[in-house]
């Protein structure tokens, strides 16, 4: 781009950066209000992206901790009308279920997104031999099948 305004950044880029910064620093008590405010932004794609990054960061940090359940419930209510964000929260909840060794359904793993399958196959915390075996055999992509196979071989080695 050339001309007088070539260095100007679009307004949504600035808002996105501000949202990410605010979401990273938000107090737990104010998190739901801030997420709701971000989701009211006129640029739905940008708002979803900022909230999606926040959900990924928070979910990863809370994954096996007891507060995850209440947090996920609150966030689910806020993003219920945003298909991508609602699915991402469901998949984080499934990752938690597997990580905690609780019962899960094979179809949930095999029908999950590529993102979920990659996470389940590569996260050290998701060490379920059953889940890894299923993904090694029926993962959607070669990358997932190979990663799950590597994890299985690694977990079989003596420590």
N, C-alpha and C. Protein backbone atom coordinates (compact mmCIF):
# COMPACT_ATOMS: atom_id res chain seq x y z
N UNK A 1 0.84 -1.17 0.00
CA UNK A 1 0.00 0.00 0.00
C UNK A 1 0.89 1.24 0.00
N UNK A 2 0.52 2.21 -0.80
CA UNK A 2 1.30 3.44 -0.85
C UNK A 2 0.38 4.61 -0.59
N UNK A 3 0.99 5.76 -0.35
CA UNK A 3 0.18 6.95 -0.16
C UNK A 3 0.30 7.49 1.25
N UNK A 4 -0.49 8.48 1.52
CA UNK A 4 -0.45 9.21 2.78
C UNK A 4 -0.76 8.34 4.00
N UNK A 5 -1.67 7.39 3.85
CA UNK A 5 -2.14 6.62 5.01
C UNK A 5 -1.62 5.18 5.03
N UNK A 6 -0.52 4.93 4.39
CA UNK A 6 -0.01 3.56 4.28
C UNK A 6 0.37 2.98 5.63
N UNK A 7 0.78 3.82 6.58
CA UNK A 7 1.22 3.30 7.88
C UNK A 7 0.09 3.22 8.90
N UNK A 8 -1.10 3.67 8.56
CA UNK A 8 -2.21 3.62 9.50
C UNK A 8 -2.71 2.19 9.63
N UNK A 9 -2.89 1.80 10.84
CA UNK A 9 -3.39 0.47 11.14
C UNK A 9 -4.91 0.52 11.23
N UNK A 10 -5.61 -0.47 10.70
CA UNK A 10 -7.07 -0.47 10.82
C UNK A 10 -7.49 -0.43 12.30
N UNK A 11 -8.59 0.23 12.57
CA UNK A 11 -9.07 0.40 13.95
C UNK A 11 -9.27 -0.93 14.67
N UNK A 12 -9.76 -1.93 13.93
CA UNK A 12 -10.01 -3.22 14.59
C UNK A 12 -8.72 -3.90 15.05
N UNK A 13 -7.60 -3.60 14.40
CA UNK A 13 -6.32 -4.16 14.84
C UNK A 13 -5.94 -3.58 16.19
N UNK A 14 -6.15 -2.30 16.36
CA UNK A 14 -5.87 -1.66 17.64
C UNK A 14 -6.78 -2.18 18.74
N UNK A 15 -8.08 -2.32 18.42
CA UNK A 15 -9.02 -2.85 19.41
C UNK A 15 -8.66 -4.28 19.78
N UNK A 16 -8.29 -5.07 18.79
CA UNK A 16 -7.91 -6.46 19.03
C UNK A 16 -6.74 -6.52 20.02
N UNK A 17 -5.72 -5.74 19.79
CA UNK A 17 -4.55 -5.72 20.69
C UNK A 17 -4.97 -5.27 22.09
N UNK A 18 -5.81 -4.26 22.16
CA UNK A 18 -6.29 -3.80 23.48
C UNK A 18 -7.10 -4.88 24.18
N UNK A 19 -7.96 -5.55 23.43
CA UNK A 19 -8.76 -6.63 24.02
C UNK A 19 -7.87 -7.75 24.55
N UNK A 20 -6.89 -8.16 23.77
CA UNK A 20 -6.00 -9.23 24.23
C UNK A 20 -5.29 -8.82 25.51
N UNK A 21 -4.81 -7.60 25.55
CA UNK A 21 -4.11 -7.11 26.74
C UNK A 21 -5.06 -7.07 27.94
N UNK A 22 -6.25 -6.56 27.74
CA UNK A 22 -7.23 -6.47 28.84
C UNK A 22 -7.64 -7.86 29.31
N UNK A 23 -7.86 -8.78 28.38
CA UNK A 23 -8.27 -10.14 28.76
C UNK A 23 -7.17 -10.87 29.52
N UNK A 24 -5.94 -10.60 29.16
CA UNK A 24 -4.83 -11.25 29.86
C UNK A 24 -4.69 -10.74 31.29
N UNK A 25 -5.06 -9.49 31.52
CA UNK A 25 -4.87 -8.88 32.83
C UNK A 25 -6.14 -8.85 33.69
N UNK A 26 -7.27 -9.27 33.16
CA UNK A 26 -8.54 -9.12 33.86
C UNK A 26 -8.57 -9.94 35.15
N UNK A 27 -9.16 -9.36 36.18
CA UNK A 27 -9.37 -10.08 37.44
C UNK A 27 -10.47 -11.11 37.20
N UNK A 28 -10.37 -12.22 37.90
CA UNK A 28 -11.33 -13.30 37.73
C UNK A 28 -12.77 -12.81 37.91
N UNK A 29 -12.99 -11.93 38.88
CA UNK A 29 -14.33 -11.42 39.16
C UNK A 29 -14.89 -10.58 38.02
N UNK A 30 -14.03 -10.01 37.20
CA UNK A 30 -14.46 -9.13 36.11
C UNK A 30 -14.40 -9.80 34.74
N UNK A 31 -13.94 -11.04 34.70
CA UNK A 31 -13.71 -11.72 33.43
C UNK A 31 -14.97 -11.84 32.58
N UNK A 32 -16.06 -12.29 33.16
CA UNK A 32 -17.29 -12.50 32.39
C UNK A 32 -17.79 -11.19 31.78
N UNK A 33 -17.74 -10.11 32.54
CA UNK A 33 -18.18 -8.81 32.02
C UNK A 33 -17.30 -8.36 30.85
N UNK A 34 -16.00 -8.56 30.98
CA UNK A 34 -15.10 -8.15 29.91
C UNK A 34 -15.31 -9.00 28.66
N UNK A 35 -15.44 -10.30 28.83
CA UNK A 35 -15.69 -11.18 27.67
C UNK A 35 -16.98 -10.76 26.98
N UNK A 36 -18.03 -10.49 27.75
CA UNK A 36 -19.30 -10.05 27.17
C UNK A 36 -19.13 -8.74 26.41
N UNK A 37 -18.35 -7.82 26.96
CA UNK A 37 -18.12 -6.53 26.29
C UNK A 37 -17.37 -6.73 24.98
N UNK A 38 -16.36 -7.57 24.98
CA UNK A 38 -15.61 -7.84 23.75
C UNK A 38 -16.54 -8.45 22.70
N UNK A 39 -17.39 -9.36 23.12
CA UNK A 39 -18.30 -10.01 22.17
C UNK A 39 -19.34 -9.06 21.59
N UNK A 40 -19.53 -7.90 22.20
CA UNK A 40 -20.46 -6.90 21.65
C UNK A 40 -19.80 -6.00 20.59
N UNK A 41 -18.51 -6.18 20.35
CA UNK A 41 -17.83 -5.37 19.34
C UNK A 41 -18.51 -5.57 17.99
N UNK A 42 -18.54 -4.50 17.20
CA UNK A 42 -19.20 -4.57 15.89
C UNK A 42 -18.49 -5.51 14.93
N UNK A 43 -17.20 -5.75 15.11
CA UNK A 43 -16.44 -6.66 14.25
C UNK A 43 -16.48 -8.04 14.88
N UNK A 44 -17.45 -8.83 14.47
CA UNK A 44 -17.69 -10.14 15.09
C UNK A 44 -16.49 -11.07 14.94
N UNK A 45 -15.88 -11.08 13.78
CA UNK A 45 -14.73 -11.97 13.55
C UNK A 45 -13.58 -11.61 14.48
N UNK A 46 -13.28 -10.33 14.60
CA UNK A 46 -12.20 -9.88 15.47
C UNK A 46 -12.52 -10.19 16.92
N UNK A 47 -13.75 -9.94 17.34
CA UNK A 47 -14.15 -10.21 18.73
C UNK A 47 -14.05 -11.70 19.03
N UNK A 48 -14.54 -12.53 18.12
CA UNK A 48 -14.44 -13.99 18.31
C UNK A 48 -12.99 -14.44 18.41
N UNK A 49 -12.13 -13.85 17.61
CA UNK A 49 -10.72 -14.22 17.64
C UNK A 49 -10.09 -13.84 18.98
N UNK A 50 -10.37 -12.66 19.47
CA UNK A 50 -9.81 -12.22 20.75
C UNK A 50 -10.33 -13.11 21.89
N UNK A 51 -11.61 -13.37 21.90
CA UNK A 51 -12.18 -14.21 22.96
C UNK A 51 -11.69 -15.65 22.80
N UNK A 52 -11.55 -16.13 21.58
CA UNK A 52 -11.03 -17.48 21.36
C UNK A 52 -9.63 -17.65 21.92
N UNK A 53 -8.78 -16.67 21.70
CA UNK A 53 -7.42 -16.74 22.27
C UNK A 53 -7.48 -16.75 23.79
N UNK A 54 -8.37 -15.93 24.33
CA UNK A 54 -8.51 -15.88 25.79
C UNK A 54 -9.00 -17.23 26.33
N UNK A 55 -10.00 -17.80 25.68
CA UNK A 55 -10.53 -19.09 26.14
C UNK A 55 -9.44 -20.16 26.10
N UNK A 56 -8.65 -20.17 25.03
CA UNK A 56 -7.58 -21.16 24.93
C UNK A 56 -6.56 -20.99 26.05
N UNK A 57 -6.17 -19.76 26.32
CA UNK A 57 -5.18 -19.50 27.36
C UNK A 57 -5.72 -19.89 28.74
N UNK A 58 -6.94 -19.46 29.05
CA UNK A 58 -7.52 -19.75 30.36
C UNK A 58 -7.81 -21.24 30.54
N UNK A 59 -8.37 -21.86 29.51
CA UNK A 59 -8.70 -23.28 29.60
C UNK A 59 -7.44 -24.12 29.81
N UNK A 60 -6.39 -23.80 29.10
CA UNK A 60 -5.13 -24.54 29.26
C UNK A 60 -4.60 -24.39 30.68
N UNK A 61 -4.72 -23.21 31.24
CA UNK A 61 -4.23 -22.97 32.59
C UNK A 61 -5.08 -23.62 33.67
N UNK A 62 -6.35 -23.77 33.41
CA UNK A 62 -7.28 -24.33 34.41
C UNK A 62 -7.58 -25.81 34.18
N UNK A 63 -7.08 -26.39 33.13
CA UNK A 63 -7.56 -27.67 32.61
C UNK A 63 -7.85 -28.73 33.67
N UNK A 64 -6.94 -28.98 34.56
CA UNK A 64 -7.16 -30.06 35.53
C UNK A 64 -7.51 -29.52 36.92
N UNK A 65 -7.72 -28.23 37.03
CA UNK A 65 -8.05 -27.61 38.32
C UNK A 65 -9.55 -27.60 38.54
N UNK A 66 -9.99 -27.71 39.79
CA UNK A 66 -11.43 -27.71 40.09
C UNK A 66 -12.19 -26.48 39.57
N UNK A 67 -11.62 -25.27 39.56
CA UNK A 67 -12.39 -24.11 39.08
C UNK A 67 -12.76 -24.17 37.59
N UNK A 68 -12.16 -25.09 36.83
CA UNK A 68 -12.44 -25.17 35.40
C UNK A 68 -13.93 -25.31 35.12
N UNK A 69 -14.62 -26.16 35.86
CA UNK A 69 -16.02 -26.46 35.58
C UNK A 69 -16.89 -25.21 35.68
N UNK A 70 -16.76 -24.47 36.75
CA UNK A 70 -17.56 -23.25 36.91
C UNK A 70 -17.18 -22.21 35.86
N UNK A 71 -15.89 -22.09 35.60
CA UNK A 71 -15.42 -21.13 34.58
C UNK A 71 -16.01 -21.49 33.22
N UNK A 72 -15.91 -22.76 32.84
CA UNK A 72 -16.42 -23.20 31.53
C UNK A 72 -17.92 -22.98 31.44
N UNK A 73 -18.64 -23.21 32.51
CA UNK A 73 -20.09 -23.00 32.51
C UNK A 73 -20.41 -21.53 32.24
N UNK A 74 -19.71 -20.64 32.93
CA UNK A 74 -19.91 -19.20 32.74
C UNK A 74 -19.59 -18.78 31.31
N UNK A 75 -18.44 -19.23 30.82
CA UNK A 75 -18.04 -18.87 29.46
C UNK A 75 -18.99 -19.45 28.42
N UNK A 76 -19.49 -20.64 28.65
CA UNK A 76 -20.42 -21.27 27.72
C UNK A 76 -21.69 -20.44 27.59
N UNK A 77 -22.17 -19.91 28.69
CA UNK A 77 -23.35 -19.04 28.64
C UNK A 77 -23.08 -17.79 27.81
N UNK A 78 -21.88 -17.24 27.93
CA UNK A 78 -21.54 -16.02 27.21
C UNK A 78 -21.38 -16.24 25.70
N UNK A 79 -20.89 -17.41 25.31
CA UNK A 79 -20.59 -17.66 23.90
C UNK A 79 -21.59 -18.60 23.24
N UNK A 80 -22.70 -18.85 23.88
CA UNK A 80 -23.67 -19.84 23.38
C UNK A 80 -24.10 -19.59 21.94
N UNK A 81 -24.15 -18.33 21.52
CA UNK A 81 -24.58 -18.02 20.16
C UNK A 81 -23.43 -17.89 19.17
N UNK A 82 -22.23 -18.23 19.61
CA UNK A 82 -21.05 -18.18 18.74
C UNK A 82 -20.57 -19.61 18.54
N UNK A 83 -20.91 -20.19 17.41
CA UNK A 83 -20.66 -21.62 17.16
C UNK A 83 -19.23 -22.04 17.40
N UNK A 84 -18.28 -21.29 16.83
CA UNK A 84 -16.87 -21.67 16.96
C UNK A 84 -16.44 -21.66 18.43
N UNK A 85 -16.77 -20.61 19.15
CA UNK A 85 -16.35 -20.49 20.56
C UNK A 85 -17.03 -21.54 21.43
N UNK A 86 -18.30 -21.79 21.18
CA UNK A 86 -19.01 -22.82 21.95
C UNK A 86 -18.40 -24.20 21.71
N UNK A 87 -18.06 -24.48 20.45
CA UNK A 87 -17.43 -25.78 20.15
C UNK A 87 -16.06 -25.88 20.81
N UNK A 88 -15.29 -24.79 20.78
CA UNK A 88 -13.96 -24.81 21.38
C UNK A 88 -14.07 -25.10 22.88
N UNK A 89 -15.03 -24.51 23.56
CA UNK A 89 -15.22 -24.79 24.99
C UNK A 89 -15.63 -26.24 25.22
N UNK A 90 -16.51 -26.76 24.37
CA UNK A 90 -16.88 -28.18 24.51
C UNK A 90 -15.65 -29.08 24.34
N UNK A 91 -14.79 -28.72 23.40
CA UNK A 91 -13.60 -29.54 23.17
C UNK A 91 -12.60 -29.40 24.31
N UNK A 92 -12.46 -28.23 24.90
CA UNK A 92 -11.61 -28.10 26.09
C UNK A 92 -12.17 -28.95 27.22
N UNK A 93 -13.48 -28.99 27.34
CA UNK A 93 -14.11 -29.80 28.39
C UNK A 93 -13.85 -31.29 28.14
N UNK A 94 -13.88 -31.70 26.88
CA UNK A 94 -13.56 -33.09 26.54
C UNK A 94 -12.08 -33.39 26.84
N UNK A 95 -11.19 -32.47 26.53
CA UNK A 95 -9.78 -32.66 26.87
C UNK A 95 -9.62 -32.83 28.38
N UNK A 96 -10.34 -32.03 29.14
CA UNK A 96 -10.30 -32.13 30.60
C UNK A 96 -10.78 -33.51 31.05
N UNK A 97 -11.88 -33.95 30.48
CA UNK A 97 -12.44 -35.26 30.83
C UNK A 97 -11.40 -36.36 30.62
N UNK A 98 -10.74 -36.33 29.49
CA UNK A 98 -9.72 -37.34 29.18
C UNK A 98 -8.53 -37.19 30.13
N UNK A 99 -8.08 -35.96 30.35
CA UNK A 99 -6.92 -35.72 31.21
C UNK A 99 -7.17 -36.19 32.64
N UNK A 100 -8.41 -36.08 33.09
CA UNK A 100 -8.75 -36.51 34.46
C UNK A 100 -9.08 -37.99 34.55
N UNK A 101 -9.04 -38.70 33.42
CA UNK A 101 -9.32 -40.13 33.42
C UNK A 101 -10.79 -40.46 33.61
N UNK A 102 -11.65 -39.54 33.26
CA UNK A 102 -13.09 -39.77 33.37
C UNK A 102 -13.60 -40.40 32.08
N UNK A 103 -14.78 -41.01 32.12
CA UNK A 103 -15.31 -41.68 30.93
C UNK A 103 -15.60 -40.70 29.79
N UNK A 104 -15.33 -41.14 28.57
CA UNK A 104 -15.59 -40.37 27.37
C UNK A 104 -16.09 -41.32 26.29
N UNK A 105 -16.61 -40.77 25.22
CA UNK A 105 -17.20 -41.56 24.14
C UNK A 105 -16.30 -41.45 22.91
N UNK A 106 -15.98 -42.59 22.30
CA UNK A 106 -15.07 -42.62 21.16
C UNK A 106 -15.52 -41.68 20.04
N UNK A 107 -16.80 -41.63 19.76
CA UNK A 107 -17.30 -40.78 18.67
C UNK A 107 -16.99 -39.30 18.94
N UNK A 108 -16.96 -38.90 20.21
CA UNK A 108 -16.62 -37.51 20.51
C UNK A 108 -15.20 -37.18 20.06
N UNK A 109 -14.28 -38.12 20.19
CA UNK A 109 -12.90 -37.91 19.76
C UNK A 109 -12.79 -37.94 18.24
N UNK A 110 -13.40 -38.92 17.62
CA UNK A 110 -13.25 -39.09 16.18
C UNK A 110 -14.01 -38.03 15.39
N UNK A 111 -15.04 -37.44 15.97
CA UNK A 111 -15.80 -36.40 15.26
C UNK A 111 -15.36 -34.99 15.65
N UNK A 112 -14.40 -34.88 16.56
CA UNK A 112 -13.92 -33.58 17.02
C UNK A 112 -13.09 -32.91 15.92
N UNK A 113 -12.83 -31.63 16.12
CA UNK A 113 -12.08 -30.84 15.15
C UNK A 113 -10.63 -31.31 15.04
N UNK A 114 -9.98 -30.92 13.96
CA UNK A 114 -8.56 -31.20 13.79
C UNK A 114 -7.77 -30.60 14.95
N UNK A 115 -8.14 -29.39 15.37
CA UNK A 115 -7.47 -28.73 16.49
C UNK A 115 -7.53 -29.63 17.73
N UNK A 116 -8.72 -30.12 18.05
CA UNK A 116 -8.87 -30.98 19.23
C UNK A 116 -8.02 -32.23 19.10
N UNK A 117 -8.08 -32.88 17.96
CA UNK A 117 -7.33 -34.12 17.80
C UNK A 117 -5.84 -33.87 17.93
N UNK A 118 -5.33 -32.75 17.38
CA UNK A 118 -3.90 -32.43 17.54
C UNK A 118 -3.57 -32.20 19.01
N UNK A 119 -4.42 -31.45 19.71
CA UNK A 119 -4.19 -31.18 21.13
C UNK A 119 -4.19 -32.48 21.93
N UNK A 120 -5.17 -33.32 21.70
CA UNK A 120 -5.28 -34.57 22.44
C UNK A 120 -4.09 -35.48 22.16
N UNK A 121 -3.57 -35.43 20.95
CA UNK A 121 -2.46 -36.31 20.56
C UNK A 121 -1.11 -35.78 21.03
N UNK A 122 -1.02 -34.49 21.34
CA UNK A 122 0.29 -33.93 21.66
C UNK A 122 0.44 -33.40 23.08
N UNK A 123 -0.65 -33.15 23.77
CA UNK A 123 -0.55 -32.63 25.15
C UNK A 123 -0.07 -33.72 26.08
N UNK A 124 0.96 -33.43 26.82
CA UNK A 124 1.50 -34.42 27.77
C UNK A 124 0.47 -34.78 28.84
N UNK A 125 -0.40 -33.86 29.16
CA UNK A 125 -1.37 -34.08 30.22
C UNK A 125 -2.47 -35.07 29.81
N UNK A 126 -2.70 -35.20 28.51
CA UNK A 126 -3.70 -36.15 28.00
C UNK A 126 -2.97 -37.45 27.68
N UNK A 127 -2.78 -38.25 28.71
CA UNK A 127 -1.97 -39.45 28.56
C UNK A 127 -2.81 -40.72 28.56
N UNK A 128 -4.05 -40.63 28.18
CA UNK A 128 -4.92 -41.80 28.14
C UNK A 128 -4.50 -42.72 27.00
N UNK A 129 -4.03 -43.92 27.32
CA UNK A 129 -3.66 -44.85 26.25
C UNK A 129 -4.84 -45.18 25.33
N UNK A 130 -6.03 -45.22 25.89
CA UNK A 130 -7.21 -45.51 25.07
C UNK A 130 -7.47 -44.39 24.07
N UNK A 131 -7.41 -43.15 24.53
CA UNK A 131 -7.63 -42.01 23.63
C UNK A 131 -6.53 -41.94 22.59
N UNK A 132 -5.30 -42.09 23.03
CA UNK A 132 -4.18 -42.04 22.08
C UNK A 132 -4.26 -43.17 21.07
N UNK A 133 -4.64 -44.36 21.50
CA UNK A 133 -4.79 -45.49 20.60
C UNK A 133 -5.87 -45.23 19.56
N UNK A 134 -6.98 -44.68 20.00
CA UNK A 134 -8.06 -44.36 19.07
C UNK A 134 -7.61 -43.32 18.05
N UNK A 135 -6.90 -42.29 18.51
CA UNK A 135 -6.42 -41.26 17.59
C UNK A 135 -5.31 -41.79 16.68
N UNK A 136 -4.48 -42.69 17.18
CA UNK A 136 -3.43 -43.28 16.35
C UNK A 136 -4.05 -44.11 15.22
N UNK A 137 -5.18 -44.71 15.50
CA UNK A 137 -5.85 -45.56 14.51
C UNK A 137 -6.82 -44.77 13.62
N UNK A 138 -7.59 -43.86 14.24
CA UNK A 138 -8.69 -43.22 13.50
C UNK A 138 -8.64 -41.70 13.48
N UNK A 139 -7.49 -41.13 13.84
CA UNK A 139 -7.37 -39.68 13.77
C UNK A 139 -7.61 -39.19 12.35
N UNK A 140 -8.13 -38.00 12.24
CA UNK A 140 -8.54 -37.48 10.94
C UNK A 140 -7.36 -37.25 9.99
N UNK A 141 -6.22 -36.84 10.54
CA UNK A 141 -5.08 -36.53 9.67
C UNK A 141 -3.89 -37.43 10.01
N UNK A 142 -2.97 -37.53 9.05
CA UNK A 142 -1.75 -38.30 9.28
C UNK A 142 -0.96 -37.68 10.44
N UNK A 143 -0.96 -36.37 10.49
CA UNK A 143 -0.25 -35.67 11.57
C UNK A 143 -0.77 -36.11 12.95
N UNK A 144 -2.07 -36.19 13.10
CA UNK A 144 -2.68 -36.63 14.37
C UNK A 144 -2.34 -38.09 14.63
N UNK A 145 -2.49 -38.94 13.63
CA UNK A 145 -2.22 -40.37 13.83
C UNK A 145 -0.76 -40.59 14.23
N UNK A 146 0.16 -39.89 13.57
CA UNK A 146 1.58 -40.03 13.90
C UNK A 146 1.88 -39.49 15.30
N UNK A 147 1.34 -38.35 15.65
CA UNK A 147 1.59 -37.77 16.98
C UNK A 147 1.04 -38.68 18.07
N UNK A 148 -0.14 -39.22 17.86
CA UNK A 148 -0.71 -40.12 18.87
C UNK A 148 0.12 -41.39 18.98
N UNK A 149 0.60 -41.92 17.86
CA UNK A 149 1.46 -43.11 17.89
C UNK A 149 2.75 -42.83 18.66
N UNK A 150 3.35 -41.65 18.41
CA UNK A 150 4.57 -41.28 19.14
C UNK A 150 4.30 -41.18 20.64
N UNK A 151 3.20 -40.56 21.00
CA UNK A 151 2.86 -40.44 22.42
C UNK A 151 2.69 -41.82 23.05
N UNK A 152 2.02 -42.71 22.34
CA UNK A 152 1.83 -44.07 22.85
C UNK A 152 3.17 -44.77 23.05
N UNK A 153 4.06 -44.69 22.06
CA UNK A 153 5.38 -45.32 22.19
C UNK A 153 6.15 -44.71 23.35
N UNK A 154 6.06 -43.40 23.49
CA UNK A 154 6.77 -42.71 24.57
C UNK A 154 6.23 -43.14 25.93
N UNK A 155 4.92 -43.30 26.03
CA UNK A 155 4.34 -43.68 27.33
C UNK A 155 4.61 -45.15 27.67
N UNK A 156 4.95 -45.96 26.66
CA UNK A 156 5.26 -47.37 26.91
C UNK A 156 6.69 -47.56 27.40
N UNK A 157 7.53 -46.55 27.20
CA UNK A 157 8.93 -46.69 27.60
C UNK A 157 9.06 -46.56 29.12
N UNK A 158 9.95 -47.36 29.72
CA UNK A 158 10.14 -47.27 31.17
C UNK A 158 10.72 -45.92 31.55
N UNK A 159 10.34 -45.48 32.73
CA UNK A 159 10.80 -44.16 33.18
C UNK A 159 11.90 -44.27 34.18
